[in-house]
Amino acid sequence: MDFLNRIFGGGSRGSSGDPDGLYYYVRPQGCDEVIRVRINRMNDLSLADDGKSYWVHKVVRGIKCRQTVDLNLYFDSNKRLTNTEIENGDLVDVSAYDEWMAQQNPNP
């Protein structure tokens, strides 16, 4: 489902030097920090019980906010995102991450 990738920034490449990296952005509940989560398409994904699709589980914790977030991502046989489950946080888009980062470094 490409619309999930567009909404949450998933599937976006970090740079041309990171073709296997998929990036997602998480905001823990009760915190303003936005954390970038990198998924390696070639190493982090586990084959699901159906033998065709993939999934990954990440426990995410930021530097400023100590709230942990459980993130489960599900992918089809072509390693495209199909579903997300998140506890103790929200998936946000890359612009929320960029905005949070800009607030951390107001004088570039």
C-alpha atoms as a PDB file:
ATOM      1  CA  MET A   1       0.000   0.000   0.000  1.00  0.00           C
ATOM      2  CA  ASP A   2       1.935   2.946  -1.276  1.00  0.00           C
ATOM      3  CA  PHE A   3      -0.328   5.426   0.514  1.00  0.00           C
ATOM      4  CA  LEU A   4       1.025   4.212   3.896  1.00  0.00           C
ATOM      5  CA  ASN A   5       4.548   4.907   2.682  1.00  0.00           C
ATOM      6  CA  ARG A   6       3.596   8.395   1.511  1.00  0.00           C
ATOM      7  CA  ILE A   7       1.775   9.249   4.741  1.00  0.00           C
ATOM      8  CA  PHE A   8       4.399   8.020   7.191  1.00  0.00           C
ATOM      9  CA  GLY A   9       7.550   8.571   5.188  1.00  0.00           C
ATOM     10  CA  GLY A  10       8.242   4.854   5.152  1.00  0.00           C
ATOM     11  CA  GLY A  11      10.122   3.400   2.296  1.00  0.00           C
ATOM     12  CA  SER A  12      11.915   6.644   1.700  1.00  0.00           C
ATOM     13  CA  ARG A  13      15.598   6.157   1.153  1.00  0.00           C
ATOM     14  CA  GLY A  14      17.946   7.945   3.513  1.00  0.00           C
ATOM     15  CA  SER A  15      20.279   8.695   0.643  1.00  0.00           C
ATOM     16  CA  SER A  16      21.512   7.134  -2.553  1.00  0.00           C
ATOM     17  CA  GLY A  17      24.220   5.489  -0.431  1.00  0.00           C
ATOM     18  CA  ASP A  18      21.598   3.552   1.570  1.00  0.00           C
ATOM     19  CA  PRO A  19      19.458   1.641  -0.951  1.00  0.00           C
ATOM     20  CA  ASP A  20      18.325  -0.962   1.602  1.00  0.00           C
ATOM     21  CA  GLY A  21      17.272   1.509   4.305  1.00  0.00           C
ATOM     22  CA  LEU A  22      13.596   2.219   4.936  1.00  0.00           C
ATOM     23  CA  TYR A  23      12.887   5.093   7.321  1.00  0.00           C
ATOM     24  CA  TYR A  24       9.900   5.586   9.614  1.00  0.00           C
ATOM     25  CA  TYR A  25       9.288   8.345  12.153  1.00  0.00           C
ATOM     26  CA  VAL A  26       7.868   7.781  15.628  1.00  0.00           C
ATOM     27  CA  ARG A  27       6.666  10.205  18.312  1.00  0.00           C
ATOM     28  CA  PRO A  28       6.387   8.575  21.770  1.00  0.00           C
ATOM     29  CA  GLN A  29       3.245   9.326  23.769  1.00  0.00           C
ATOM     30  CA  GLY A  30       3.654  12.296  26.061  1.00  0.00           C
ATOM     31  CA  CYS A  31       6.813  13.512  24.323  1.00  0.00           C
ATOM     32  CA  ASP A  32       7.594  15.999  21.593  1.00  0.00           C
ATOM     33  CA  GLU A  33      10.683  14.083  20.391  1.00  0.00           C
ATOM     34  CA  VAL A  34      10.458  12.485  16.954  1.00  0.00           C
ATOM     35  CA  ILE A  35      12.685   9.460  16.395  1.00  0.00           C
ATOM     36  CA  ARG A  36      13.874   8.216  13.028  1.00  0.00           C
ATOM     37  CA  VAL A  37      13.788   4.428  12.779  1.00  0.00           C
ATOM     38  CA  ARG A  38      15.842   2.685  10.095  1.00  0.00           C
ATOM     39  CA  ILE A  39      14.741  -0.709   8.799  1.00  0.00           C
ATOM     40  CA  ASN A  40      17.176  -2.668   6.655  1.00  0.00           C
ATOM     41  CA  ARG A  41      15.086  -4.417   3.991  1.00  0.00           C
ATOM     42  CA  MET A  42      17.707  -7.128   3.559  1.00  0.00           C
ATOM     43  CA  ASN A  43      18.497  -7.926   7.225  1.00  0.00           C
ATOM     44  CA  ASP A  44      15.749  -6.720   9.582  1.00  0.00           C
ATOM     45  CA  LEU A  45      12.697  -8.300   7.967  1.00  0.00           C
ATOM     46  CA  SER A  46      11.614 -11.759   9.122  1.00  0.00           C
ATOM     47  CA  LEU A  47       9.623 -14.156   6.988  1.00  0.00           C
ATOM     48  CA  ALA A  48       6.070 -14.457   8.308  1.00  0.00           C
ATOM     49  CA  ASP A  49       4.351 -17.753   9.075  1.00  0.00           C
ATOM     50  CA  ASP A  50       2.639 -17.740   5.674  1.00  0.00           C
ATOM     51  CA  GLY A  51       6.061 -18.084   4.018  1.00  0.00           C
ATOM     52  CA  LYS A  52       5.357 -15.170   1.672  1.00  0.00           C
ATOM     53  CA  SER A  53       5.152 -11.912   3.595  1.00  0.00           C
ATOM     54  CA  TYR A  54       7.511 -10.233   6.050  1.00  0.00           C
ATOM     55  CA  TRP A  55       7.385  -8.381   9.344  1.00  0.00           C
ATOM     56  CA  VAL A  56       9.674  -6.577  11.765  1.00  0.00           C
ATOM     57  CA  HIS A  57       9.339  -5.588  15.420  1.00  0.00           C
ATOM     58  CA  LYS A  58      11.316  -2.671  16.838  1.00  0.00           C
ATOM     59  CA  VAL A  59      11.420  -1.287  20.361  1.00  0.00           C
ATOM     60  CA  VAL A  60      12.112   2.421  19.956  1.00  0.00           C
ATOM     61  CA  ARG A  61      13.386   4.843  22.591  1.00  0.00           C
ATOM     62  CA  GLY A  62      14.686   8.329  22.023  1.00  0.00           C
ATOM     63  CA  ILE A  63      17.460  10.295  23.637  1.00  0.00           C
ATOM     64  CA  LYS A  64      15.408  12.991  25.345  1.00  0.00           C
ATOM     65  CA  CYS A  65      12.260  10.969  25.976  1.00  0.00           C
ATOM     66  CA  ARG A  66      12.625   7.673  27.804  1.00  0.00           C
ATOM     67  CA  GLN A  67       9.179   6.373  26.817  1.00  0.00           C
ATOM     68  CA  THR A  68       9.552   3.139  24.829  1.00  0.00           C
ATOM     69  CA  VAL A  69       7.461   2.515  21.727  1.00  0.00           C
ATOM     70  CA  ASP A  70       6.683  -0.912  20.260  1.00  0.00           C
ATOM     71  CA  LEU A  71       6.567  -0.774  16.476  1.00  0.00           C
ATOM     72  CA  ASN A  72       5.414  -3.666  14.273  1.00  0.00           C
ATOM     73  CA  LEU A  73       5.607  -3.268  10.505  1.00  0.00           C
ATOM     74  CA  TYR A  74       4.170  -5.754   8.019  1.00  0.00           C
ATOM     75  CA  PHE A  75       5.278  -6.103   4.408  1.00  0.00           C
ATOM     76  CA  ASP A  76       4.079  -8.021   1.362  1.00  0.00           C
ATOM     77  CA  SER A  77       6.184 -10.494  -0.627  1.00  0.00           C
ATOM     78  CA  ASN A  78       7.803  -7.559  -2.480  1.00  0.00           C
ATOM     79  CA  LYS A  79       8.789  -5.962   0.848  1.00  0.00           C
ATOM     80  CA  ARG A  80       6.294  -3.109   0.500  1.00  0.00           C
ATOM     81  CA  LEU A  81       4.602  -1.877   3.668  1.00  0.00           C
ATOM     82  CA  THR A  82       1.055  -3.213   4.108  1.00  0.00           C
ATOM     83  CA  ASN A  83       0.206  -2.572   7.761  1.00  0.00           C
ATOM     84  CA  THR A  84       1.534  -0.973  10.929  1.00  0.00           C
ATOM     85  CA  GLU A  85       0.882  -1.497  14.628  1.00  0.00           C
ATOM     86  CA  ILE A  86       2.275   0.873  17.233  1.00  0.00           C
ATOM     87  CA  GLU A  87       1.949   0.991  21.024  1.00  0.00           C
ATOM     88  CA  ASN A  88       2.804   3.994  23.211  1.00  0.00           C
ATOM     89  CA  GLY A  89       3.370   6.326  20.279  1.00  0.00           C
ATOM     90  CA  ASP A  90       2.360   7.495  16.856  1.00  0.00           C
ATOM     91  CA  LEU A  91       3.839   7.249  13.397  1.00  0.00           C
ATOM     92  CA  VAL A  92       4.419  10.708  11.955  1.00  0.00           C
ATOM     93  CA  ASP A  93       5.721  11.936   8.626  1.00  0.00           C
ATOM     94  CA  VAL A  94       9.213  13.078   7.726  1.00  0.00           C
ATOM     95  CA  SER A  95       8.208  16.738   7.976  1.00  0.00           C
ATOM     96  CA  ALA A  96       7.472  16.298  11.710  1.00  0.00           C
ATOM     97  CA  TYR A  97      10.963  14.845  12.120  1.00  0.00           C
ATOM     98  CA  ASP A  98      12.548  17.687  10.144  1.00  0.00           C
ATOM     99  CA  GLU A  99      10.658  20.256  12.227  1.00  0.00           C
ATOM    100  CA  TRP A 100      11.706  18.628  15.501  1.00  0.00           C
ATOM    101  CA  MET A 101      15.332  18.448  14.357  1.00  0.00           C
ATOM    102  CA  ALA A 102      15.264  22.135  13.363  1.00  0.00           C
ATOM    103  CA  GLN A 103      14.067  23.029  16.874  1.00  0.00           C
ATOM    104  CA  GLN A 104      17.025  21.136  18.357  1.00  0.00           C
ATOM    105  CA  ASN A 105      19.547  23.063  16.257  1.00  0.00           C
ATOM    106  CA  PRO A 106      18.075  26.567  15.828  1.00  0.00           C
ATOM    107  CA  ASN A 107      21.414  27.994  14.589  1.00  0.00           C
ATOM    108  CA  PRO A 108      22.644  25.729  11.770  1.00  0.00           C
END
